[in-house]
Amino acid sequence: MSRVSAQAWPDGIPVDGEQEQRISKPFPDGRTLQQVLEGLDRSLTRPDGLYRGTLTLLRRDEPTVVQDFELIVRSPQAYMTIRSARRAEELRLLWTGRGMQVWIFDVPRRQLTRPEASQRFDPLSAMGFSPVDFFYPWFAANLKPHSWRVDSLRPDWTMIDCTLLETEEPQLSIGIDSAGRPARVEVKERGILLRVLEFGQGRPLLEWKTNRQFVSDFPALYEMMDLRRASVARFETRIYDPKFRPDPSLFDPDYLSR
C-alpha cells in the first residue's frame, strides 16, 4: 500500500502554512510550469485499446467492495463502464476529448447527466474517484499553473499549484517525484484538502490473448484517499488489448443510454 493509504490524514487539512510556503521562481530544470504540465500529460497518456481491471474500496471495519471496469481509449476520447454484479450497479462514462466534458449514465436509474465544470471533481460514489480521475491526460489543456513548492512530506518531490480554467473551485496541486513523473493530485476547496490521488508506477499488465506481461509507461495503479469519507480506493488496470477497435458510435453521448 502506498503512502497515501498508509498515512493517517485528519479530516479537512489546511494546506497553506509555513511548512509549504509557495516558491515564486523558475522550475528547477528551467522549464515553464506549462511545459512541466505537458510533460506530465505525456507520462499519463494511455495508448488506444481496451483496458480491464478493478476498483476496490477499503474502509475500516467494513467489507471490501470490488467492482470491475472496462476502459476503451480512442484518443482523445474514452469510454468506460463500471460494474458491480453483486449490487446490480453499472455506470457508463464518456470522455469527449473536448475540454473536460464528461457524460455519465446510471444504468439502473436510466439517468444521463453531464456535470458542470465545478462538479466534475465530485466523487462518483463511495470509491472517492471523480469522473475526470479516470481520463488522464488533461493537465496542460485545462489547468492554469501558478507556482511550485517543495512537498513538506517528501522533500524530493515538488508540487505545482493550479486552478482550473473554467472555475475557481476546486484548486489542484500536482505532485512530481524525483524522476520527474506524475506522483500525486491533491484536490482542495477553499484551502481545505479533500482528496489525494497517488499514481503507482511499475505494476505489470497482461496483454490480452498473448498473455505477455509488461510494465507500461503510464501508471497502472491509482490510489485515492477521500478525507471526508475516511476511505481508500484503488483503480488498478490489469489487462490491455492493443488490437481492440471500438465502433465509432460508442463515443456518441446518445449511445450511453442504449
Protein backbone atom coordinates (compact mmCIF):
# COMPACT_ATOMS: atom_id res chain seq x y z
CA MET A 1 0.00 0.00 0.00
CA SER A 2 1.37 3.43 -0.90
CA ARG A 3 1.98 6.29 1.44
CA VAL A 4 -1.47 7.73 0.65
CA SER A 5 -3.30 4.74 2.08
CA ALA A 6 -0.94 4.30 5.00
CA GLN A 7 -0.82 7.93 6.10
CA ALA A 8 -3.31 8.93 8.81
CA TRP A 9 -4.80 12.14 7.44
CA PRO A 10 -7.25 14.09 9.67
CA ASP A 11 -10.40 15.37 8.05
CA GLY A 12 -10.10 18.78 6.40
CA ILE A 13 -6.36 19.52 6.45
CA PRO A 14 -5.42 23.19 5.85
CA VAL A 15 -2.87 23.06 3.05
CA ASP A 16 -1.36 26.54 3.41
CA GLY A 17 1.25 27.24 6.03
CA GLU A 18 4.89 27.89 6.70
CA GLN A 19 5.84 24.26 6.07
CA GLU A 20 4.56 24.54 2.45
CA GLN A 21 5.45 28.10 1.53
CA ARG A 22 4.98 28.81 -2.14
CA ILE A 23 8.11 29.41 -4.16
CA SER A 24 7.83 32.03 -6.90
CA LYS A 25 10.85 31.20 -9.03
CA PRO A 26 11.51 29.17 -12.19
CA PHE A 27 11.15 25.41 -12.11
CA PRO A 28 14.50 23.74 -11.23
CA ASP A 29 15.18 22.45 -14.74
CA GLY A 30 14.38 25.79 -16.40
CA ARG A 31 11.05 24.79 -17.98
CA THR A 32 7.95 26.89 -17.63
CA LEU A 33 5.22 25.39 -15.45
CA GLN A 34 3.08 24.93 -18.55
CA GLN A 35 5.85 22.86 -20.14
CA VAL A 36 6.07 20.76 -16.97
CA LEU A 37 2.34 20.00 -17.17
CA GLU A 38 2.72 19.00 -20.81
CA GLY A 39 5.46 16.55 -19.84
CA LEU A 40 3.30 15.07 -17.09
CA ASP A 41 0.48 14.61 -19.60
CA ARG A 42 2.77 12.57 -21.83
CA SER A 43 3.59 10.30 -18.87
CA LEU A 44 -0.14 9.71 -18.20
CA THR A 45 -1.18 9.01 -21.79
CA ARG A 46 -2.58 5.53 -22.47
CA PRO A 47 -2.27 4.02 -25.95
CA ASP A 48 -5.50 3.31 -27.78
CA GLY A 49 -7.13 0.00 -26.94
CA LEU A 50 -9.18 -1.80 -24.31
CA TYR A 51 -8.20 -1.88 -20.62
CA ARG A 52 -9.73 -4.08 -17.93
CA GLY A 53 -9.25 -4.02 -14.19
CA THR A 54 -10.83 -3.48 -10.80
CA LEU A 55 -11.96 -0.72 -8.49
CA THR A 56 -11.54 -1.66 -4.84
CA LEU A 57 -12.89 0.24 -1.83
CA LEU A 58 -11.24 -0.19 1.57
CA ARG A 59 -12.91 1.13 4.71
CA ARG A 60 -12.12 0.43 8.33
CA ASP A 61 -14.40 -2.16 9.93
CA GLU A 62 -16.46 -2.57 6.75
CA PRO A 63 -16.40 -5.20 3.99
CA THR A 64 -14.17 -4.60 0.99
CA VAL A 65 -16.09 -3.61 -2.15
CA VAL A 66 -14.77 -4.68 -5.58
CA GLN A 67 -16.09 -3.52 -8.95
CA ASP A 68 -14.94 -4.37 -12.49
CA PHE A 69 -14.21 -1.79 -15.15
CA GLU A 70 -13.57 -1.65 -18.87
CA LEU A 71 -11.90 1.43 -20.32
CA ILE A 72 -11.80 1.96 -24.09
CA VAL A 73 -9.40 4.62 -25.34
CA ARG A 74 -9.55 6.13 -28.80
CA SER A 75 -7.56 9.29 -28.25
CA PRO A 76 -8.63 11.91 -27.40
CA GLN A 77 -11.90 10.18 -26.49
CA ALA A 78 -12.54 7.41 -23.97
CA TYR A 79 -15.48 5.28 -22.85
CA MET A 80 -15.73 3.43 -19.56
CA THR A 81 -18.10 1.04 -17.80
CA ILE A 82 -18.01 0.26 -14.08
CA ARG A 83 -20.00 -2.78 -12.96
CA SER A 84 -20.85 -4.41 -9.66
CA ALA A 85 -22.69 -7.68 -10.21
CA ARG A 86 -23.27 -8.14 -6.51
CA ARG A 87 -25.03 -4.79 -6.19
CA ALA A 88 -26.57 -4.76 -9.68
CA GLU A 89 -24.91 -1.41 -10.39
CA GLU A 90 -23.49 -0.10 -13.64
CA LEU A 91 -22.14 3.29 -14.65
CA ARG A 92 -21.15 4.34 -18.16
CA LEU A 93 -18.84 7.29 -18.65
CA LEU A 94 -17.91 9.09 -21.85
CA TRP A 95 -14.93 11.43 -22.11
CA THR A 96 -15.49 13.56 -25.20
CA GLY A 97 -11.94 14.82 -25.62
CA ARG A 98 -13.23 18.41 -25.75
CA GLY A 99 -12.07 20.29 -22.68
CA MET A 100 -13.19 18.37 -19.61
CA GLN A 101 -16.63 17.39 -20.87
CA VAL A 102 -17.78 14.08 -19.47
CA TRP A 103 -21.13 12.29 -19.68
CA ILE A 104 -22.37 9.82 -17.04
CA PHE A 105 -25.17 7.31 -17.44
CA ASP A 106 -26.50 5.45 -14.40
CA VAL A 107 -27.89 2.26 -15.96
CA PRO A 108 -30.27 1.04 -13.20
CA ARG A 109 -31.75 4.53 -12.76
CA ARG A 110 -31.73 5.30 -16.52
CA GLN A 111 -30.26 8.71 -15.67
CA LEU A 112 -27.96 10.62 -18.05
CA THR A 113 -26.02 13.62 -16.69
CA ARG A 114 -23.25 15.94 -17.83
CA PRO A 115 -21.60 17.52 -14.78
CA GLU A 116 -20.88 21.23 -14.79
CA ALA A 117 -17.29 22.41 -14.53
CA SER A 118 -17.33 22.71 -10.73
CA GLN A 119 -18.99 19.27 -10.34
CA ARG A 120 -16.54 17.21 -12.39
CA PHE A 121 -14.34 16.65 -9.35
CA ASP A 122 -17.16 15.45 -7.11
CA PRO A 123 -16.85 11.75 -6.18
CA LEU A 124 -18.97 9.40 -8.26
CA SER A 125 -19.54 7.05 -5.33
CA ALA A 126 -18.06 5.95 -2.03
CA MET A 127 -14.95 4.99 -4.01
CA GLY A 128 -13.94 8.66 -3.91
CA PHE A 129 -12.95 8.88 -7.59
CA SER A 130 -14.44 11.69 -9.63
CA PRO A 131 -15.35 11.33 -13.33
CA VAL A 132 -12.21 13.09 -14.54
CA ASP A 133 -9.88 10.87 -12.48
CA PHE A 134 -10.22 8.05 -15.00
CA PHE A 135 -9.42 10.02 -18.14
CA TYR A 136 -5.92 11.46 -17.99
CA PRO A 137 -4.20 13.30 -19.60
CA TRP A 138 -5.84 16.70 -19.25
CA PHE A 139 -3.49 18.84 -17.14
CA ALA A 140 -1.98 21.19 -19.75
CA ALA A 141 -5.22 21.96 -21.59
CA ASN A 142 -7.38 22.62 -18.52
CA LEU A 143 -5.17 23.91 -15.70
CA LYS A 144 -3.55 27.27 -15.07
CA PRO A 145 -0.34 26.70 -13.07
CA HIS A 146 0.61 29.46 -10.62
CA SER A 147 3.65 28.38 -8.63
CA TRP A 148 5.65 25.42 -7.40
CA ARG A 149 6.83 24.39 -3.95
CA VAL A 150 8.71 21.63 -2.19
CA ASP A 151 6.44 18.91 -0.79
CA SER A 152 6.57 19.04 3.01
CA LEU A 153 6.07 15.27 3.34
CA ARG A 154 8.50 14.28 0.58
CA PRO A 155 11.30 16.85 0.19
CA ASP A 156 12.47 15.15 -3.02
CA TRP A 157 9.07 15.84 -4.62
CA THR A 158 7.78 19.13 -5.98
CA MET A 159 4.17 20.37 -6.13
CA ILE A 160 2.65 22.64 -8.76
CA ASP A 161 -0.33 24.65 -7.53
CA CYS A 162 -3.02 25.21 -10.16
CA THR A 163 -6.53 26.47 -10.76
CA LEU A 164 -8.96 25.29 -13.42
CA LEU A 165 -9.50 27.47 -16.47
CA GLU A 166 -13.30 27.21 -16.23
CA THR A 167 -13.86 27.69 -12.50
CA GLU A 168 -12.07 28.84 -9.35
CA GLU A 169 -13.04 25.77 -7.32
CA PRO A 170 -11.62 23.28 -6.71
CA GLN A 171 -7.89 24.06 -6.66
CA LEU A 172 -5.42 21.35 -7.61
CA SER A 173 -1.83 20.63 -6.70
CA ILE A 174 0.13 18.25 -8.91
CA GLY A 175 2.97 16.27 -7.30
CA ILE A 176 6.09 15.28 -9.24
CA ASP A 177 8.51 12.64 -7.96
CA SER A 178 12.32 12.74 -8.09
CA ALA A 179 12.27 11.04 -11.51
CA GLY A 180 10.02 13.75 -12.96
CA ARG A 181 6.93 11.52 -13.14
CA PRO A 182 3.40 12.44 -12.00
CA ALA A 183 3.05 11.21 -8.44
CA ARG A 184 0.05 12.85 -6.80
CA VAL A 185 -3.00 15.04 -7.34
CA GLU A 186 -4.40 16.97 -4.38
CA VAL A 187 -7.92 18.41 -4.64
CA LYS A 188 -8.79 21.33 -2.38
CA GLU A 189 -11.72 23.67 -1.86
CA ARG A 190 -11.35 26.96 -0.03
CA GLY A 191 -7.88 25.89 1.10
CA ILE A 192 -9.04 22.59 2.62
CA LEU A 193 -7.57 19.32 1.36
CA LEU A 194 -10.40 16.94 0.42
CA ARG A 195 -8.95 14.15 -1.71
CA VAL A 196 -5.50 12.80 -2.56
CA LEU A 197 -4.78 10.65 -5.60
CA GLU A 198 -1.42 8.92 -6.00
CA PHE A 199 -0.10 7.16 -9.08
CA GLY A 200 1.63 3.79 -8.70
CA GLN A 201 4.48 3.01 -11.08
CA GLY A 202 5.91 -0.33 -12.16
CA ARG A 203 2.79 -2.52 -11.93
CA PRO A 204 2.84 -5.26 -14.61
CA LEU A 205 -0.01 -5.60 -17.11
CA LEU A 206 -1.12 -8.66 -19.03
CA GLU A 207 -1.58 -8.31 -22.78
CA TRP A 208 -4.84 -9.86 -23.95
CA LYS A 209 -4.54 -13.11 -25.96
CA THR A 210 -0.72 -13.20 -25.96
CA ASN A 211 -0.54 -13.36 -22.11
CA ARG A 212 2.64 -11.29 -22.31
CA GLN A 213 3.45 -9.39 -19.12
CA PHE A 214 4.89 -5.91 -19.45
CA VAL A 215 5.30 -2.72 -17.46
CA SER A 216 3.56 0.26 -19.04
CA ASP A 217 4.93 3.77 -19.36
CA PHE A 218 1.73 5.10 -17.78
CA PRO A 219 0.74 4.38 -14.14
CA ALA A 220 -1.38 1.22 -13.93
CA LEU A 221 -2.45 1.85 -10.33
CA TYR A 222 -4.26 4.89 -8.88
CA GLU A 223 -4.88 5.11 -5.14
CA MET A 224 -7.44 7.57 -3.85
CA MET A 225 -7.87 8.78 -0.29
CA ASP A 226 -11.14 10.60 0.34
CA LEU A 227 -10.60 12.55 3.55
CA ARG A 228 -14.27 13.34 4.05
CA ARG A 229 -15.27 9.67 3.97
CA ALA A 230 -12.08 8.30 5.56
CA SER A 231 -11.85 5.76 2.75
CA VAL A 232 -9.16 4.46 0.42
CA ALA A 233 -9.86 3.11 -3.07
CA ARG A 234 -7.72 1.56 -5.79
CA PHE A 235 -8.17 1.81 -9.54
CA GLU A 236 -5.97 -0.95 -10.94
CA THR A 237 -5.51 -1.81 -14.59
CA ARG A 238 -4.67 -5.49 -15.11
CA ILE A 239 -5.26 -6.36 -18.80
CA TYR A 240 -4.63 -4.45 -22.04
CA ASP A 241 -5.83 -5.35 -25.52
CA PRO A 242 -3.94 -3.16 -28.02
CA LYS A 243 -5.80 -4.58 -31.04
CA PHE A 244 -9.31 -3.70 -29.85
CA ARG A 245 -11.04 -1.40 -32.33
CA PRO A 246 -14.31 0.09 -31.00
CA ASP A 247 -17.29 1.07 -33.09
CA PRO A 248 -17.26 4.89 -33.52
CA SER A 249 -20.86 5.10 -32.26
CA LEU A 250 -19.56 4.16 -28.81
CA PHE A 251 -18.32 7.74 -28.42
CA ASP A 252 -21.68 9.35 -29.13
CA PRO A 253 -23.40 10.55 -25.92
CA ASP A 254 -26.69 9.18 -27.24
CA TYR A 255 -25.17 5.68 -27.19
CA LEU A 256 -24.77 5.74 -23.40
CA SER A 257 -28.46 5.16 -22.76
CA ARG A 258 -28.89 2.33 -25.31
